Structure formats: structure tokens, C-alpha cells
Amino acid sequence: MLRKAVLILLGVLVIAQSIRPARTEEPLDPAADLIALTKPSAEVEHLLRVACYDCHSGQPRYPWYMNITPVNWWMQGHINESREHFDISAWGRVSAEKRAHWAEEAVEMVGEEEMPLPSYTWTHGDARLTEEQRLLLTNYFSALMR
């Protein structure tokens, strides 16, 4: 009985691998991209790319485990939700009010060590920010609020 249940479960998991979420990759639009528009220092640009871009832009780096269902559904849902809160790729396409709100949220989330998410930094060691790097990013985002 247990063997049959395990085989059924494995069969369901194998079939589920063929059902994948749509990825949200989009071509880079320099007229709307935060980095292209604000021209931050090289260090801030690097931090944005390694700690923010995968979830908050249209150019995420999809790791190997994004090919495994149900992980891919969970992560793609997270990316979609993240871009609703702050989308680096859409910076130039939203109102000044929305940009100020996004920058304010970034200051709060980075400053309070809520971003990048611990679940992200487990697998992306380069996204682990030091206090100095957090301060650099919060100062950058604070300047964007003005």
C-alpha cells in the first residue's frame, strides 16, 4: 500500500514538471531602467544588480532550481509580487509619486534588514549585505525620494 502511494506521488510530481509558470523576462529598456536613469556609483550599481534585480526587475537570473515544480511556481509568484512593490525596470514609466514611494519602501526594507530576503541570500551569497552596504543603498534610495 505504501509503495503504491509513493509511486502515485512520484507520478504526480513527474507530470507536474511539465506545467510551468510563465517567466517575466523582458528586454531592458534604458529609458525606464533605474540604473540607466539615475547613474549610481559603480558600487551601488553592483549592489542593485546582485541584491535587487532578480526579484525586482524584468531581468531576473533564473537559477537551476527554477526548473523544479512546485519551487518554480512559488518563486515566480514571489517575483511577480516583488515587482508590484518595486520594479527597477519600470522606474521611468511610473509617476514621480510612485517612484518616491518605492524609494521610501526600499529605504525601510533595506535599512531594517528585511531585504534582500533571507531565503534569497541563502542561495545568493553575494546578496548578503554588510552594514556599510546597507547604508550605501539606503542613502542612495533616500536621495531618490527628493
Foldseek 3Di string as FASTA:
>chain_A
DVVVVVVVVVVVQVVCLVDADDQQADDQDLLFAQCSVPVDDPLLVVLCVQFPDQQAENHHDDDPCCSGPPVVVVSRVSSVVNNVLHHRRRNNVDDLVSLLNSLVVLLVCLVVVPGPPPVVCVVRVVNDDDNVSSVVSNVVSVVSND
